[in-house]
């Protein structure tokens, strides 16, 4: 959990941009990855990224 928070909400707070970054939430900016499974339960699922969404466009 700490590793994921460091890459998301904690980084946004450090940049003083946590009012628009760091969470998947309505009105926030987000580039995301999709994985099969819950990385909070098994961090290894991050090794098999299903797709990346950047600026609203999906990339495989």
Protein backbone atom coordinates (compact mmCIF):
# COMPACT_ATOMS: atom_id res chain seq x y z
CA UNK A 1 0.00 0.00 0.00
CA UNK A 2 2.80 2.44 0.86
CA UNK A 3 4.46 1.96 -2.54
CA UNK A 4 1.22 2.73 -4.36
CA UNK A 5 0.55 5.76 -2.17
CA UNK A 6 4.07 7.03 -2.85
CA UNK A 7 3.40 6.89 -6.59
CA UNK A 8 -0.01 8.55 -6.35
CA UNK A 9 -1.45 10.66 -3.54
CA UNK A 10 1.84 11.30 -1.72
CA UNK A 11 3.52 12.53 -4.92
CA UNK A 12 0.56 14.80 -5.65
CA UNK A 13 0.76 16.26 -2.14
CA UNK A 14 4.50 16.86 -2.51
CA UNK A 15 3.83 18.76 -5.75
CA UNK A 16 1.00 20.67 -4.04
CA UNK A 17 -1.33 19.33 -6.73
CA UNK A 18 -3.44 16.99 -4.62
CA UNK A 19 -6.52 19.05 -5.48
CA UNK A 20 -6.33 17.66 -9.03
CA UNK A 21 -3.92 14.68 -9.01
CA UNK A 22 -3.26 11.51 -7.05
CA UNK A 23 -6.74 9.97 -6.94
CA UNK A 24 -9.22 8.45 -9.35
CA UNK A 25 -12.03 10.84 -8.63
CA UNK A 26 -14.47 12.99 -10.60
CA UNK A 27 -12.78 16.18 -11.76
CA UNK A 28 -9.24 14.88 -11.20
CA UNK A 29 -6.62 14.36 -13.92
CA UNK A 30 -5.47 10.76 -14.24
CA UNK A 31 -3.29 8.53 -16.35
CA UNK A 32 -4.04 4.97 -15.28
CA UNK A 33 -3.06 1.36 -15.84
CA UNK A 34 -5.36 -1.66 -15.74
CA UNK A 35 -4.26 -4.96 -14.23
CA UNK A 36 -5.97 -8.27 -13.53
CA UNK A 37 -6.24 -8.41 -9.78
CA UNK A 38 -5.77 -6.19 -6.79
CA UNK A 39 -2.22 -4.84 -6.35
CA UNK A 40 -2.98 -4.21 -2.67
CA UNK A 41 -3.37 -7.97 -2.24
CA UNK A 42 -0.67 -9.07 -4.71
CA UNK A 43 1.84 -6.50 -5.97
CA UNK A 44 2.96 -8.95 -8.69
CA UNK A 45 -0.18 -8.16 -10.74
CA UNK A 46 1.58 -4.92 -11.72
CA UNK A 47 3.97 -7.03 -13.82
CA UNK A 48 1.19 -7.79 -16.33
CA UNK A 49 -0.36 -4.46 -17.37
CA UNK A 50 -3.48 -4.96 -19.49
CA UNK A 51 -3.59 -1.40 -20.83
CA UNK A 52 -2.52 2.17 -20.16
CA UNK A 53 -4.89 5.14 -20.40
CA UNK A 54 -3.17 8.47 -21.07
CA UNK A 55 -5.07 11.67 -21.80
CA UNK A 56 -8.25 9.63 -22.26
CA UNK A 57 -6.72 7.35 -24.92
CA UNK A 58 -6.19 3.63 -24.34
CA UNK A 59 -2.87 2.04 -25.31
CA UNK A 60 -2.04 -1.65 -25.18
